[in-house]
Protein backbone atom coordinates (compact mmCIF):
# COMPACT_ATOMS: atom_id res chain seq x y z
CA UNK A 1 -41.26 -8.51 -13.73
CA UNK A 2 -38.69 -8.75 -16.51
CA UNK A 3 -37.60 -5.48 -18.03
CA UNK A 4 -37.69 -7.15 -21.43
CA UNK A 5 -41.47 -7.34 -21.32
CA UNK A 6 -41.73 -3.58 -21.64
CA UNK A 7 -39.06 -3.20 -24.31
CA UNK A 8 -40.64 -2.91 -27.78
CA UNK A 9 -39.07 -4.62 -30.72
CA UNK A 10 -37.02 -2.24 -32.83
CA UNK A 11 -39.40 -2.65 -35.75
CA UNK A 12 -43.15 -2.97 -35.80
CA UNK A 13 -44.88 -5.59 -37.95
CA UNK A 14 -45.75 -4.38 -41.43
CA UNK A 15 -49.47 -4.58 -40.76
CA UNK A 16 -49.29 -2.73 -37.43
CA UNK A 17 -51.40 0.40 -37.15
CA UNK A 18 -49.20 3.50 -36.94
CA UNK A 19 -50.01 5.61 -33.90
CA UNK A 20 -50.44 9.08 -35.39
CA UNK A 21 -50.44 10.63 -31.92
CA UNK A 22 -46.72 9.95 -31.67
CA UNK A 23 -44.36 12.77 -32.74
CA UNK A 24 -43.46 12.86 -36.42
CA UNK A 25 -39.79 12.31 -35.61
CA UNK A 26 -40.68 9.05 -33.86
CA UNK A 27 -43.02 7.86 -36.62
CA UNK A 28 -40.47 8.55 -39.35
CA UNK A 29 -37.62 6.58 -37.84
CA UNK A 30 -36.02 4.55 -40.66
CA UNK A 31 -36.26 0.79 -40.26
CA UNK A 32 -33.26 -0.30 -42.31
CA UNK A 33 -29.72 0.75 -43.14
CA UNK A 34 -30.86 1.55 -46.68
CA UNK A 35 -33.36 4.14 -45.42
CA UNK A 36 -30.96 5.63 -42.86
CA UNK A 37 -29.75 9.15 -43.73
CA UNK A 38 -26.14 10.23 -43.42
CA UNK A 39 -23.11 8.66 -41.72
CA UNK A 40 -21.79 7.21 -44.97
CA UNK A 41 -18.28 7.35 -43.50
CA UNK A 42 -19.17 4.38 -41.26
CA UNK A 43 -22.27 2.87 -42.93
CA UNK A 44 -21.54 2.88 -46.65
CA UNK A 45 -20.90 -0.62 -48.06
CA UNK A 46 -17.45 -1.76 -47.03
CA UNK A 47 -17.14 0.71 -44.15
CA UNK A 48 -16.23 -0.69 -40.71
CA UNK A 49 -19.55 -0.55 -38.86
CA UNK A 50 -21.51 -1.59 -41.94
CA UNK A 51 -19.29 -4.65 -42.31
CA UNK A 52 -19.88 -5.61 -38.68
CA UNK A 53 -23.64 -5.33 -39.18
CA UNK A 54 -23.70 -7.21 -42.49
CA UNK A 55 -21.50 -9.98 -41.07
CA UNK A 56 -23.54 -10.12 -37.85
CA UNK A 57 -20.39 -9.49 -35.79
CA UNK A 58 -21.38 -6.34 -33.91
CA UNK A 59 -19.45 -5.66 -30.71
CA UNK A 60 -19.98 -2.98 -28.09
CA UNK A 61 -19.84 0.53 -29.54
CA UNK A 62 -20.14 4.14 -28.45
CA UNK A 63 -22.03 6.41 -30.85
CA UNK A 64 -20.78 9.96 -30.38
CA UNK A 65 -22.46 12.83 -32.16
CA UNK A 66 -24.67 15.92 -31.89
CA UNK A 67 -28.42 15.67 -31.15
CA UNK A 68 -30.80 14.48 -33.84
CA UNK A 69 -28.33 12.61 -36.07
CA UNK A 70 -29.88 9.17 -35.48
CA UNK A 71 -27.92 7.53 -32.67
CA UNK A 72 -30.99 5.82 -31.16
CA UNK A 73 -32.34 4.90 -34.59
CA UNK A 74 -29.04 3.35 -35.62
CA UNK A 75 -28.97 1.26 -32.44
CA UNK A 76 -32.51 0.00 -33.17
CA UNK A 77 -31.58 -0.86 -36.76
CA UNK A 78 -28.53 -2.79 -35.58
CA UNK A 79 -30.68 -4.76 -33.13
CA UNK A 80 -33.29 -5.57 -35.77
CA UNK A 81 -30.75 -6.50 -38.44
CA UNK A 82 -28.85 -8.80 -36.07
CA UNK A 83 -32.07 -10.24 -34.56
CA UNK A 84 -31.11 -9.16 -31.07
CA UNK A 85 -33.29 -8.15 -28.16
CA UNK A 86 -33.27 -4.38 -27.88
CA UNK A 87 -33.37 -2.88 -24.40
CA UNK A 88 -33.31 0.92 -24.18
CA UNK A 89 -31.91 2.24 -20.94
CA UNK A 90 -31.58 5.86 -19.88
CA UNK A 91 -29.18 7.28 -17.34
CA UNK A 92 -31.96 9.60 -16.24
CA UNK A 93 -34.39 6.72 -15.52
CA UNK A 94 -32.25 3.90 -14.15
CA UNK A 95 -30.03 3.28 -11.14
CA UNK A 96 -27.98 0.35 -9.87
CA UNK A 97 -31.08 -1.71 -9.05
CA UNK A 98 -32.42 -1.42 -12.58
CA UNK A 99 -28.99 -2.14 -14.07
CA UNK A 100 -28.70 -5.40 -12.12
CA UNK A 101 -32.20 -6.46 -13.21
CA UNK A 102 -31.40 -5.86 -16.87
CA UNK A 103 -28.11 -7.75 -16.57
CA UNK A 104 -29.84 -10.74 -14.96
CA UNK A 105 -32.39 -10.94 -17.80
CA UNK A 106 -29.63 -10.58 -20.40
CA UNK A 107 -27.68 -13.44 -18.85
CA UNK A 108 -30.74 -15.70 -18.96
CA UNK A 109 -31.34 -14.89 -22.61
CA UNK A 110 -27.73 -15.64 -23.49
CA UNK A 111 -28.11 -19.09 -22.00
CA UNK A 112 -31.14 -19.55 -24.26
CA UNK A 113 -29.03 -18.56 -27.30
CA UNK A 114 -30.49 -15.07 -27.68
CA UNK A 115 -28.43 -11.86 -27.80
CA UNK A 116 -29.23 -8.62 -26.04
CA UNK A 117 -28.32 -5.17 -27.25
CA UNK A 118 -28.45 -2.78 -24.34
CA UNK A 119 -28.82 0.76 -25.62
CA UNK A 120 -27.73 3.39 -23.11
CA UNK A 121 -28.86 6.86 -24.03
CA UNK A 122 -26.78 9.71 -22.63
CA UNK A 123 -24.19 7.32 -21.27
CA UNK A 124 -22.09 10.30 -20.16
CA UNK A 125 -24.69 10.90 -17.43
CA UNK A 126 -23.89 7.59 -15.71
CA UNK A 127 -21.48 7.89 -12.82
CA UNK A 128 -18.32 5.76 -12.53
CA UNK A 129 -19.95 3.07 -10.38
CA UNK A 130 -22.85 2.70 -12.81
CA UNK A 131 -20.54 2.44 -15.81
CA UNK A 132 -18.35 -0.08 -13.98
CA UNK A 133 -21.42 -2.23 -13.33
CA UNK A 134 -21.66 -3.06 -17.04
CA UNK A 135 -18.05 -4.21 -17.42
CA UNK A 136 -18.30 -7.90 -16.40
CA UNK A 137 -21.39 -8.43 -18.57
CA UNK A 138 -19.72 -6.81 -21.57
CA UNK A 139 -16.61 -8.92 -21.07
CA UNK A 140 -18.60 -12.18 -20.75
CA UNK A 141 -20.69 -11.35 -23.79
CA UNK A 142 -23.98 -11.29 -21.90
CA UNK A 143 -24.76 -7.98 -23.59
CA UNK A 144 -23.69 -5.93 -26.58
CA UNK A 145 -23.55 -2.41 -25.24
CA UNK A 146 -24.37 0.51 -27.51
CA UNK A 147 -23.89 3.83 -25.78
CA UNK A 148 -25.00 7.19 -27.16
CA UNK A 149 -23.45 10.48 -26.13
CA UNK A 150 -23.19 14.06 -27.27
CA UNK A 151 -20.05 14.53 -25.16
CA UNK A 152 -16.49 13.49 -25.95
CA UNK A 153 -16.25 9.85 -24.78
CA UNK A 154 -12.59 10.32 -23.89
CA UNK A 155 -13.66 12.57 -21.03
CA UNK A 156 -17.07 11.16 -20.13
CA UNK A 157 -16.78 7.36 -20.44
CA UNK A 158 -14.67 5.26 -18.08
CA UNK A 159 -11.38 4.15 -19.59
CA UNK A 160 -12.13 0.48 -18.82
CA UNK A 161 -15.49 0.60 -20.62
CA UNK A 162 -14.06 2.71 -23.43
CA UNK A 163 -11.27 0.19 -24.06
CA UNK A 164 -13.88 -2.53 -24.58
CA UNK A 165 -15.90 -0.48 -27.06
CA UNK A 166 -15.37 0.94 -30.51
CA UNK A 167 -16.14 4.66 -30.76
CA UNK A 168 -17.89 5.90 -33.90
CA UNK A 169 -18.26 9.64 -34.43
CA UNK A 170 -21.54 10.61 -36.12
CA UNK A 171 -21.77 13.82 -38.11
CA UNK A 172 -24.54 16.41 -38.25
CA UNK A 173 -26.80 15.81 -41.24
CA UNK A 174 -26.31 18.00 -44.27
CA UNK A 175 -28.95 20.44 -45.45
CA UNK A 176 -29.64 18.26 -48.49
CA UNK A 177 -30.13 15.17 -46.33
CA UNK A 178 -32.60 16.94 -44.05
CA UNK A 179 -34.53 18.38 -47.01
CA UNK A 180 -34.86 14.84 -48.37
CA UNK A 181 -36.16 13.58 -45.00
CA UNK A 182 -38.72 16.39 -44.81
CA UNK A 183 -39.89 15.71 -48.35
CA UNK A 184 -40.33 12.03 -47.50
CA UNK A 185 -42.38 12.92 -44.41
CA UNK A 186 -44.73 15.08 -46.50
CA UNK A 187 -45.30 12.27 -49.00
CA UNK A 188 -45.52 9.25 -46.67
CA UNK A 189 -49.19 8.38 -46.19
CA UNK A 190 -48.58 5.76 -43.54
CA UNK A 191 -46.24 7.46 -41.12
CA UNK A 192 -46.05 11.03 -42.36
CA UNK A 193 -48.47 13.65 -43.69
CA UNK A 194 -49.21 12.20 -47.13
CA UNK A 195 -52.95 11.98 -46.44
CA UNK A 196 -53.07 15.72 -45.72
CA UNK A 197 -51.73 16.48 -49.24
CA UNK A 198 -49.75 19.47 -47.95
CA UNK A 199 -47.01 20.68 -50.28
CA UNK A 200 -43.98 22.79 -49.47
CA UNK A 201 -41.76 24.95 -51.70
CA UNK A 202 -38.16 23.80 -51.74
CA UNK A 203 -36.94 27.11 -50.29
CA UNK A 204 -39.10 26.62 -47.18
CA UNK A 205 -37.80 23.09 -46.65
CA UNK A 206 -34.28 24.44 -46.97
CA UNK A 207 -35.13 27.16 -44.48
CA UNK A 208 -36.23 24.53 -41.95
CA UNK A 209 -33.11 22.48 -42.68
CA UNK A 210 -30.84 25.49 -42.20
CA UNK A 211 -32.37 26.31 -38.83
CA UNK A 212 -32.15 22.72 -37.63
CA UNK A 213 -28.33 22.86 -37.86
CA UNK A 214 -28.07 19.19 -38.79
CA UNK A 215 -30.62 17.98 -36.19
CA UNK A 216 -33.25 15.85 -37.95
CA UNK A 217 -35.48 15.69 -34.87
CA UNK A 218 -35.59 19.48 -34.66
CA UNK A 219 -36.41 19.70 -38.38
CA UNK A 220 -39.23 17.16 -38.04
CA UNK A 221 -40.68 19.05 -35.07
CA UNK A 222 -40.71 22.31 -37.02
CA UNK A 223 -42.30 20.67 -40.07
CA UNK A 224 -44.93 18.98 -37.91
CA UNK A 225 -45.95 22.24 -36.25
CA UNK A 226 -46.12 24.03 -39.61
CA UNK A 227 -48.15 21.27 -41.32
CA UNK A 228 -50.66 20.98 -38.50
CA UNK A 229 -51.26 24.73 -38.78
CA UNK A 230 -51.86 24.44 -42.53
CA UNK A 231 -55.16 23.50 -44.19
CA UNK A 232 -55.10 20.04 -45.85
CA UNK A 233 -54.59 20.25 -49.60
CA UNK A 234 -52.77 23.58 -49.43
CA UNK A 235 -49.15 24.64 -49.30
CA UNK A 236 -46.90 25.67 -46.45
CA UNK A 237 -46.32 29.39 -46.28
CA UNK A 238 -43.37 31.35 -45.05
CA UNK A 239 -45.48 32.65 -42.18
CA UNK A 240 -46.46 29.15 -41.05
CA UNK A 241 -42.82 28.10 -40.99
CA UNK A 242 -41.78 31.22 -39.09
CA UNK A 243 -44.58 30.63 -36.58
CA UNK A 244 -43.43 27.04 -36.13
CA UNK A 245 -39.88 28.25 -35.54
CA UNK A 246 -41.20 30.99 -33.25
CA UNK A 247 -38.85 33.41 -34.91
CA UNK A 248 -38.69 35.65 -37.94
CA UNK A 249 -36.66 34.32 -40.84
CA UNK A 250 -34.46 36.97 -42.35
CA UNK A 251 -34.18 37.29 -46.11
CA UNK A 252 -31.00 35.43 -46.92
CA UNK A 253 -30.42 33.08 -49.80
CA UNK A 254 -27.22 31.21 -49.04
CA UNK A 255 -26.84 30.24 -52.68
CA UNK A 256 -27.86 33.59 -54.18
CA UNK A 257 -26.97 37.27 -54.35
CA UNK A 258 -27.98 38.18 -50.79
CA UNK A 259 -25.43 35.69 -49.45
CA UNK A 260 -22.64 37.61 -51.18
CA UNK A 261 -24.12 41.00 -50.31
CA UNK A 262 -24.09 40.28 -46.59
CA UNK A 263 -20.63 38.72 -46.43
CA UNK A 264 -19.41 41.73 -48.41
CA UNK A 265 -21.05 44.03 -45.85
CA UNK A 266 -19.36 42.15 -43.00
CA UNK A 267 -15.95 42.27 -44.68
CA UNK A 268 -16.13 45.96 -45.51
CA UNK A 269 -17.41 46.84 -42.02
CA UNK A 270 -14.42 45.05 -40.46
CA UNK A 271 -12.07 46.76 -42.92
CA UNK A 272 -13.61 50.13 -41.99
CA UNK A 273 -13.15 49.41 -38.25
CA UNK A 274 -16.91 49.79 -37.71
CA UNK A 275 -17.33 47.24 -34.94
CA UNK A 276 -21.08 47.78 -34.49
CA UNK A 277 -21.88 47.31 -38.17
CA UNK A 278 -19.59 44.27 -38.33
CA UNK A 279 -21.44 42.65 -35.43
CA UNK A 280 -24.80 43.43 -37.04
CA UNK A 281 -23.92 41.75 -40.35
CA UNK A 282 -22.40 38.81 -38.47
CA UNK A 283 -25.64 38.40 -36.52
CA UNK A 284 -27.63 38.48 -39.77
CA UNK A 285 -25.55 35.60 -41.08
CA UNK A 286 -25.83 33.61 -37.84
CA UNK A 287 -29.59 34.09 -37.62
CA UNK A 288 -30.02 33.03 -41.21
CA UNK A 289 -28.33 29.67 -40.63
CA UNK A 290 -25.09 30.34 -42.49
CA UNK A 291 -22.43 27.65 -42.30
CA UNK A 292 -20.27 28.66 -39.32
CA UNK A 293 -17.11 27.31 -40.88
CA UNK A 294 -17.73 29.48 -43.94
CA UNK A 295 -17.92 32.54 -41.68
CA UNK A 296 -14.75 31.45 -39.87
CA UNK A 297 -12.91 31.07 -43.20
CA UNK A 298 -13.91 34.56 -44.27
CA UNK A 299 -12.76 36.04 -40.96
CA UNK A 300 -9.42 34.26 -41.32
CA UNK A 301 -9.09 35.84 -44.74
CA UNK A 302 -9.82 39.30 -43.27
CA UNK A 303 -7.11 38.82 -40.66
CA UNK A 304 -4.59 38.29 -43.48
CA UNK A 305 -5.87 40.63 -46.16
CA UNK A 306 -6.90 43.66 -44.11
CA UNK A 307 -4.80 43.49 -40.93
CA UNK A 308 -1.73 41.49 -41.81
CA UNK A 309 1.44 42.51 -40.01
CA UNK A 310 -0.16 45.58 -38.46
CA UNK A 311 -1.26 43.03 -35.84
CA UNK A 312 0.25 39.58 -36.46
CA UNK A 313 -1.83 38.21 -33.59
CA UNK A 314 -4.99 38.67 -35.67
CA UNK A 315 -4.24 35.54 -37.70
CA UNK A 316 -3.45 33.62 -34.51
CA UNK A 317 -6.78 34.69 -33.04
CA UNK A 318 -8.62 33.80 -36.26
CA UNK A 319 -7.17 30.29 -36.41
CA UNK A 320 -7.91 29.76 -32.72
CA UNK A 321 -11.53 30.77 -33.30
CA UNK A 322 -11.78 28.48 -36.32
CA UNK A 323 -10.76 25.61 -34.05
CA UNK A 324 -13.16 26.75 -31.31
CA UNK A 325 -16.08 26.87 -33.75
CA UNK A 326 -15.22 23.41 -35.06
CA UNK A 327 -14.91 22.05 -31.51
CA UNK A 328 -17.90 23.74 -29.87
CA UNK A 329 -20.45 23.89 -32.67
CA UNK A 330 -23.69 25.86 -32.29
CA UNK A 331 -24.48 27.97 -30.28
CA UNK A 332 -21.29 28.21 -28.19
CA UNK A 333 -19.07 28.65 -31.23
CA UNK A 334 -21.07 31.71 -32.26
CA UNK A 335 -19.64 33.57 -29.27
CA UNK A 336 -16.15 32.92 -30.58
CA UNK A 337 -17.11 34.31 -34.00
CA UNK A 338 -18.48 37.43 -32.32
CA UNK A 339 -15.32 37.87 -30.28
CA UNK A 340 -13.12 37.53 -33.36
CA UNK A 341 -15.25 40.00 -35.33
CA UNK A 342 -14.77 42.59 -32.58
CA UNK A 343 -11.02 41.93 -32.45
CA UNK A 344 -10.59 42.27 -36.22
CA UNK A 345 -12.73 45.40 -36.44
CA UNK A 346 -10.69 47.12 -33.72
CA UNK A 347 -7.27 45.94 -34.91
CA UNK A 348 -4.97 48.33 -36.82
CA UNK A 349 -5.38 47.81 -40.56
CA UNK A 350 -2.83 47.15 -43.27
CA UNK A 351 -3.02 45.56 -46.69
CA UNK A 352 0.72 46.04 -47.28
CA UNK A 353 1.52 42.33 -47.42
CA UNK A 354 -1.51 41.76 -49.67
CA UNK A 355 -0.31 44.49 -52.05
CA UNK A 356 3.29 43.26 -51.88
CA UNK A 357 2.37 39.79 -53.05
CA UNK A 358 0.15 41.28 -55.74
CA UNK A 359 3.02 43.38 -57.04
CA UNK A 360 5.36 40.39 -57.10
CA UNK A 361 2.77 38.27 -58.92
CA UNK A 362 2.37 41.04 -61.50
CA UNK A 363 6.12 41.08 -62.16
CA UNK A 364 6.23 37.29 -62.35
CA UNK A 365 3.43 37.35 -64.89
CA UNK A 366 4.70 40.25 -66.99
CA UNK A 367 8.47 39.66 -67.02
CA UNK A 368 10.48 36.72 -68.27
CA UNK A 369 11.40 33.95 -65.88
CA UNK A 370 14.78 35.26 -64.77
CA UNK A 371 17.48 32.70 -63.95
CA UNK A 372 18.49 32.32 -60.32
CA UNK A 373 21.62 34.45 -59.68
CA UNK A 374 24.76 32.32 -59.47
CA UNK A 375 25.53 33.48 -55.93
CA UNK A 376 22.25 31.91 -54.69
CA UNK A 377 22.81 28.52 -56.30
CA UNK A 378 24.17 25.57 -54.35
CA UNK A 379 27.36 24.04 -55.74
CA UNK A 380 26.53 20.43 -54.96
CA UNK A 381 29.20 19.02 -57.29
CA UNK A 382 32.82 19.98 -58.11
CA UNK A 383 31.87 20.87 -61.65
CA UNK A 384 29.09 23.17 -60.54
CA UNK A 385 31.57 25.01 -58.32
CA UNK A 386 33.91 25.38 -61.31
CA UNK A 387 31.02 26.82 -63.33
CA UNK A 388 30.51 29.56 -60.74
CA UNK A 389 27.66 28.14 -58.68
CA UNK A 390 27.63 29.81 -55.26
CA UNK A 391 30.32 32.34 -56.21
CA UNK A 392 29.86 35.59 -54.30
CA UNK A 393 27.47 34.13 -51.71
CA UNK A 394 27.68 35.85 -48.33
CA UNK A 395 26.58 33.88 -45.27
CA UNK A 396 24.55 36.33 -43.19
CA UNK A 397 25.27 34.65 -39.84
CA UNK A 398 28.98 35.25 -40.28
CA UNK A 399 28.53 39.00 -40.68
CA UNK A 400 27.83 41.81 -38.25
CA UNK A 401 24.09 42.24 -37.59
CA UNK A 402 23.53 39.24 -39.91
CA UNK A 403 22.92 41.61 -42.85
CA UNK A 404 24.57 41.34 -46.26
CA UNK A 405 24.80 43.69 -49.22
CA UNK A 406 24.37 40.75 -51.57
CA UNK A 407 21.70 41.14 -54.26
CA UNK A 408 19.18 38.29 -54.15
CA UNK A 409 16.82 39.44 -56.91
CA UNK A 410 17.58 38.77 -60.57
CA UNK A 411 19.55 41.57 -62.20
CA UNK A 412 16.54 42.74 -64.26
CA UNK A 413 14.55 43.29 -61.06
CA UNK A 414 17.38 44.77 -59.00
CA UNK A 415 16.30 47.19 -56.23
CA UNK A 416 12.60 46.36 -56.52
CA UNK A 417 10.80 47.18 -53.23
CA UNK A 418 7.54 45.21 -53.15
CA UNK A 419 6.70 45.42 -49.46
CA UNK A 420 5.86 48.91 -48.25
CA UNK A 421 4.65 48.71 -44.63
CA UNK A 422 2.23 51.24 -43.22
CA UNK A 423 2.72 53.33 -40.09
CA UNK A 424 -0.14 51.54 -38.30
CA UNK A 425 0.10 49.09 -35.43
CA UNK A 426 3.00 46.65 -35.39
CA UNK A 427 3.87 47.63 -38.95
CA UNK A 428 5.20 50.96 -37.72
CA UNK A 429 7.96 49.05 -35.92
CA UNK A 430 8.37 46.77 -38.94
CA UNK A 431 8.77 49.83 -41.18
CA UNK A 432 11.53 51.14 -38.91
CA UNK A 433 13.31 47.79 -38.98
CA UNK A 434 12.94 47.52 -42.74
CA UNK A 435 14.45 50.97 -43.19
CA UNK A 436 17.40 49.99 -40.99
CA UNK A 437 17.97 46.85 -43.07
CA UNK A 438 17.72 48.62 -46.39
CA UNK A 439 20.11 51.39 -45.24
CA UNK A 440 22.61 48.82 -43.96
CA UNK A 441 22.45 46.83 -47.19
CA UNK A 442 23.02 49.97 -49.26
CA UNK A 443 26.01 50.92 -47.11
CA UNK A 444 27.55 47.48 -47.58
CA UNK A 445 27.10 47.67 -51.34
CA UNK A 446 29.00 50.97 -51.51
CA UNK A 447 32.07 49.58 -49.76
């Protein structure tokens, strides 16, 4: 039997009866590019993939992105828009025998003038031999292959297959996009819950969106469970949403005062070297669905503002964690945030560099813009040299210990000492070195 006989068309006829026993996420799949949420970087008018679809010139592609961003839906829309046969194929369900059967059917259809889009879900689960089996059919044009993966294709897809495909990275949906999808599901009488007349406060929809972490399928599943537990004609409650999530939602308004209260508590706990409190406030933010990159940015700031040169490695650790969070996502990236929070809380503290820059900025603001001393100016022409540019400049590398007694500040600010290191951590050694330099400079000036 042909595998095409069991493959449904990507779009049902308009008069088809919607099967309400199917999951909400399945019923609410968009049927056109116009209804598709997100991925404007590749699907907005004029963008590369959109142009291929509009011009009916789609070639084999790999859709790479996190769960629930619409990889399968996009493949179905492409098939419908280009009037191609759509054959879904899963690495979990099919082996070499099934692959050969699909390829034979696709070849027959091509001879009849019909195109086949073979959609391979979780293509990274196919072994090398299975992936290689598609190559000749892709090259001959028997099939247009659309692979979907949550893993980096560079590591998980054979180089030969990858070279014949265009990789498009899909992004997690934004909170606003998911809220819009949930609102549409509540109002849609055909595919959604419109006939139940259940309403939902915006803050509860945003709560669901925050917990879904950009996964539309997860958000739909939560909404479905909450709606089915709510009496028709009434409104969703906080308790029904929490029950659907199977977890308590902490009070945390990411756009309001509590957002700033909790990040303030985290910052001040780190500054106070209270590692347990710092971890607690971090966990509150993680549990409440805070943007992980926002947390990472604040921790980077703490490494500069509150630790500074007392432990220069703190900034290195913070930037490494920022990259780890960006690369790993949720939940693995949360471990990196926890590790960094512990490191920063336990690190020696210093705000000396923070205060030094503040003192300099105060002088810059409150004093006149002093001219650059002549000894620090480059004499790039003969006339400039005659006018005194560069006169008195001492090249440090030509002197013992590479230290000069030359004054580099404007005369009005002579002998200002902005940076005053602490005796904590690495800054204790820096303070000793700074004292050596200042003493040597003073000695040279007195000669």
